[in-house]
Amino acid sequence: MLTRLDVRHEETAKSVERAFVVCRDHEARVREIEVEMPTLKLVRRWALSGMATFAGAFCMAIIALVLK
């Protein structure tokens, strides 16, 4: 009985390890796809442009207050 449980445990452990390897492989592929998505690139560009515009306007406002 104990030997059967031990064998099943080993099989389960091997299966779990294979599943983790497959998950890591899928995760890497999904990350590559996400990086190459045109919509994601476009939104990222808009967000960075918006933050840069806001930072520039904020700096200009501070400079205007200092020079008064």
N, C-alpha and C. Protein backbone atom coordinates (compact mmCIF):
# COMPACT_ATOMS: atom_id res chain seq x y z
N MET A 1 0.82 -1.19 0.00
CA MET A 1 0.00 0.00 0.00
C MET A 1 0.87 1.25 0.00
N LEU A 2 1.88 1.27 0.85
CA LEU A 2 2.76 2.43 0.95
C LEU A 2 3.54 2.63 -0.34
N THR A 3 3.93 1.54 -0.98
CA THR A 3 4.69 1.64 -2.23
C THR A 3 3.83 2.27 -3.32
N ARG A 4 2.56 1.89 -3.38
CA ARG A 4 1.66 2.47 -4.37
C ARG A 4 1.50 3.97 -4.15
N LEU A 5 1.36 4.36 -2.90
CA LEU A 5 1.23 5.78 -2.58
C LEU A 5 2.50 6.54 -2.94
N ASP A 6 3.63 5.91 -2.67
CA ASP A 6 4.91 6.54 -3.00
C ASP A 6 5.05 6.73 -4.51
N VAL A 7 4.67 5.73 -5.28
CA VAL A 7 4.75 5.81 -6.74
C VAL A 7 3.80 6.89 -7.24
N ARG A 8 2.59 6.94 -6.71
CA ARG A 8 1.63 7.98 -7.12
C ARG A 8 2.15 9.36 -6.77
N HIS A 9 2.77 9.47 -5.61
CA HIS A 9 3.32 10.76 -5.20
C HIS A 9 4.41 11.21 -6.18
N GLU A 10 5.28 10.29 -6.56
CA GLU A 10 6.34 10.61 -7.52
C GLU A 10 5.75 11.02 -8.86
N GLU A 11 4.73 10.30 -9.32
CA GLU A 11 4.08 10.64 -10.59
C GLU A 11 3.44 12.02 -10.52
N THR A 12 2.79 12.29 -9.41
CA THR A 12 2.15 13.60 -9.23
C THR A 12 3.19 14.70 -9.19
N ALA A 13 4.28 14.48 -8.51
CA ALA A 13 5.34 15.48 -8.44
C ALA A 13 5.92 15.75 -9.82
N LYS A 14 6.13 14.70 -10.60
CA LYS A 14 6.65 14.88 -11.96
C LYS A 14 5.64 15.63 -12.83
N SER A 15 4.37 15.31 -12.68
CA SER A 15 3.33 15.99 -13.46
C SER A 15 3.26 17.47 -13.11
N VAL A 16 3.36 17.77 -11.84
CA VAL A 16 3.33 19.17 -11.40
C VAL A 16 4.54 19.91 -11.96
N GLU A 17 5.69 19.29 -11.93
CA GLU A 17 6.89 19.93 -12.46
C GLU A 17 6.75 20.19 -13.96
N ARG A 18 6.21 19.22 -14.70
CA ARG A 18 5.99 19.43 -16.13
C ARG A 18 5.01 20.56 -16.37
N ALA A 19 3.97 20.63 -15.55
CA ALA A 19 2.98 21.71 -15.69
C ALA A 19 3.62 23.07 -15.45
N PHE A 20 4.49 23.17 -14.45
CA PHE A 20 5.17 24.44 -14.18
C PHE A 20 6.08 24.83 -15.34
N VAL A 21 6.75 23.86 -15.93
CA VAL A 21 7.62 24.15 -17.08
C VAL A 21 6.79 24.69 -18.23
N VAL A 22 5.65 24.06 -18.49
CA VAL A 22 4.78 24.51 -19.57
C VAL A 22 4.24 25.91 -19.27
N CYS A 23 3.87 26.16 -18.02
CA CYS A 23 3.36 27.48 -17.64
C CYS A 23 4.42 28.55 -17.84
N ARG A 24 5.65 28.26 -17.47
CA ARG A 24 6.73 29.24 -17.67
C ARG A 24 6.94 29.51 -19.15
N ASP A 25 6.84 28.47 -19.96
CA ASP A 25 7.00 28.63 -21.41
C ASP A 25 5.87 29.51 -21.96
N HIS A 26 4.65 29.25 -21.52
CA HIS A 26 3.52 30.06 -21.98
C HIS A 26 3.65 31.50 -21.51
N GLU A 27 4.11 31.68 -20.29
CA GLU A 27 4.26 33.04 -19.76
C GLU A 27 5.26 33.83 -20.59
N ALA A 28 6.35 33.20 -20.97
CA ALA A 28 7.35 33.89 -21.79
C ALA A 28 6.77 34.25 -23.15
N ARG A 29 6.02 33.33 -23.74
CA ARG A 29 5.43 33.60 -25.05
C ARG A 29 4.38 34.71 -24.97
N VAL A 30 3.57 34.70 -23.92
CA VAL A 30 2.55 35.74 -23.76
C VAL A 30 3.21 37.10 -23.58
N ARG A 31 4.28 37.16 -22.81
CA ARG A 31 4.99 38.43 -22.63
C ARG A 31 5.54 38.95 -23.96
N GLU A 32 6.06 38.07 -24.79
CA GLU A 32 6.55 38.49 -26.11
C GLU A 32 5.42 39.05 -26.95
N ILE A 33 4.27 38.39 -26.92
CA ILE A 33 3.12 38.85 -27.69
C ILE A 33 2.64 40.19 -27.18
N GLU A 34 2.56 40.36 -25.87
CA GLU A 34 2.10 41.62 -25.30
C GLU A 34 3.02 42.77 -25.69
N VAL A 35 4.31 42.52 -25.72
CA VAL A 35 5.26 43.58 -26.10
C VAL A 35 5.03 44.00 -27.54
N GLU A 36 4.69 43.07 -28.39
CA GLU A 36 4.54 43.36 -29.81
C GLU A 36 3.15 43.84 -30.20
N MET A 37 2.22 43.89 -29.26
CA MET A 37 0.87 44.31 -29.61
C MET A 37 0.87 45.79 -30.01
N PRO A 38 0.40 46.12 -31.22
CA PRO A 38 0.40 47.51 -31.66
C PRO A 38 -0.45 48.42 -30.77
N THR A 39 -1.60 47.94 -30.35
CA THR A 39 -2.46 48.75 -29.50
C THR A 39 -1.77 49.07 -28.19
N LEU A 40 -1.11 48.09 -27.63
CA LEU A 40 -0.40 48.31 -26.38
C LEU A 40 0.72 49.33 -26.57
N LYS A 41 1.42 49.24 -27.68
CA LYS A 41 2.47 50.22 -27.97
C LYS A 41 1.89 51.62 -28.11
N LEU A 42 0.75 51.72 -28.80
CA LEU A 42 0.12 53.02 -29.01
C LEU A 42 -0.33 53.63 -27.69
N VAL A 43 -0.97 52.84 -26.85
CA VAL A 43 -1.44 53.34 -25.56
C VAL A 43 -0.25 53.72 -24.69
N ARG A 44 0.80 52.93 -24.72
CA ARG A 44 2.00 53.25 -23.95
C ARG A 44 2.59 54.58 -24.40
N ARG A 45 2.63 54.80 -25.71
CA ARG A 45 3.15 56.06 -26.24
C ARG A 45 2.28 57.23 -25.80
N TRP A 46 0.95 57.06 -25.84
CA TRP A 46 0.05 58.13 -25.40
C TRP A 46 0.25 58.43 -23.92
N ALA A 47 0.37 57.40 -23.13
CA ALA A 47 0.54 57.59 -21.68
C ALA A 47 1.85 58.32 -21.39
N LEU A 48 2.91 57.91 -22.04
CA LEU A 48 4.20 58.58 -21.82
C LEU A 48 4.17 60.02 -22.30
N SER A 49 3.53 60.27 -23.43
CA SER A 49 3.40 61.64 -23.93
C SER A 49 2.58 62.49 -22.97
N GLY A 50 1.50 61.93 -22.46
CA GLY A 50 0.68 62.66 -21.50
C GLY A 50 1.43 62.99 -20.23
N MET A 51 2.19 62.03 -19.73
CA MET A 51 2.97 62.29 -18.51
C MET A 51 4.05 63.34 -18.77
N ALA A 52 4.69 63.28 -19.92
CA ALA A 52 5.73 64.26 -20.25
C ALA A 52 5.12 65.65 -20.39
N THR A 53 3.94 65.74 -21.01
CA THR A 53 3.26 67.03 -21.16
C THR A 53 2.89 67.59 -19.80
N PHE A 54 2.34 66.74 -18.94
CA PHE A 54 1.97 67.18 -17.59
C PHE A 54 3.20 67.64 -16.81
N ALA A 55 4.28 66.88 -16.89
CA ALA A 55 5.50 67.25 -16.17
C ALA A 55 6.06 68.57 -16.69
N GLY A 56 6.02 68.77 -18.00
CA GLY A 56 6.49 70.02 -18.58
C GLY A 56 5.65 71.20 -18.15
N ALA A 57 4.32 71.04 -18.17
CA ALA A 57 3.43 72.11 -17.74
C ALA A 57 3.63 72.42 -16.26
N PHE A 58 3.84 71.38 -15.46
CA PHE A 58 4.06 71.56 -14.03
C PHE A 58 5.36 72.34 -13.79
N CYS A 59 6.40 71.97 -14.50
CA CYS A 59 7.69 72.68 -14.36
C CYS A 59 7.56 74.13 -14.81
N MET A 60 6.84 74.37 -15.89
CA MET A 60 6.64 75.74 -16.37
C MET A 60 5.86 76.56 -15.34
N ALA A 61 4.87 75.96 -14.69
CA ALA A 61 4.10 76.67 -13.67
C ALA A 61 4.98 77.01 -12.48
N ILE A 62 5.83 76.10 -12.09
CA ILE A 62 6.73 76.37 -10.96
C ILE A 62 7.72 77.48 -11.33
N ILE A 63 8.25 77.43 -12.54
CA ILE A 63 9.18 78.48 -12.99
C ILE A 63 8.47 79.82 -13.02
N ALA A 64 7.23 79.85 -13.50
CA ALA A 64 6.47 81.10 -13.55
C ALA A 64 6.25 81.65 -12.15
N LEU A 65 5.98 80.78 -11.18
CA LEU A 65 5.79 81.24 -9.80
C LEU A 65 7.09 81.75 -9.20
N VAL A 66 8.19 81.13 -9.53
CA VAL A 66 9.48 81.54 -8.98
C VAL A 66 9.92 82.88 -9.56
N LEU A 67 9.66 83.10 -10.83
CA LEU A 67 10.10 84.33 -11.50
C LEU A 67 9.22 85.54 -11.17
N LYS A 68 8.05 85.35 -10.57
CA LYS A 68 7.18 86.48 -10.23
C LYS A 68 7.78 87.36 -9.22
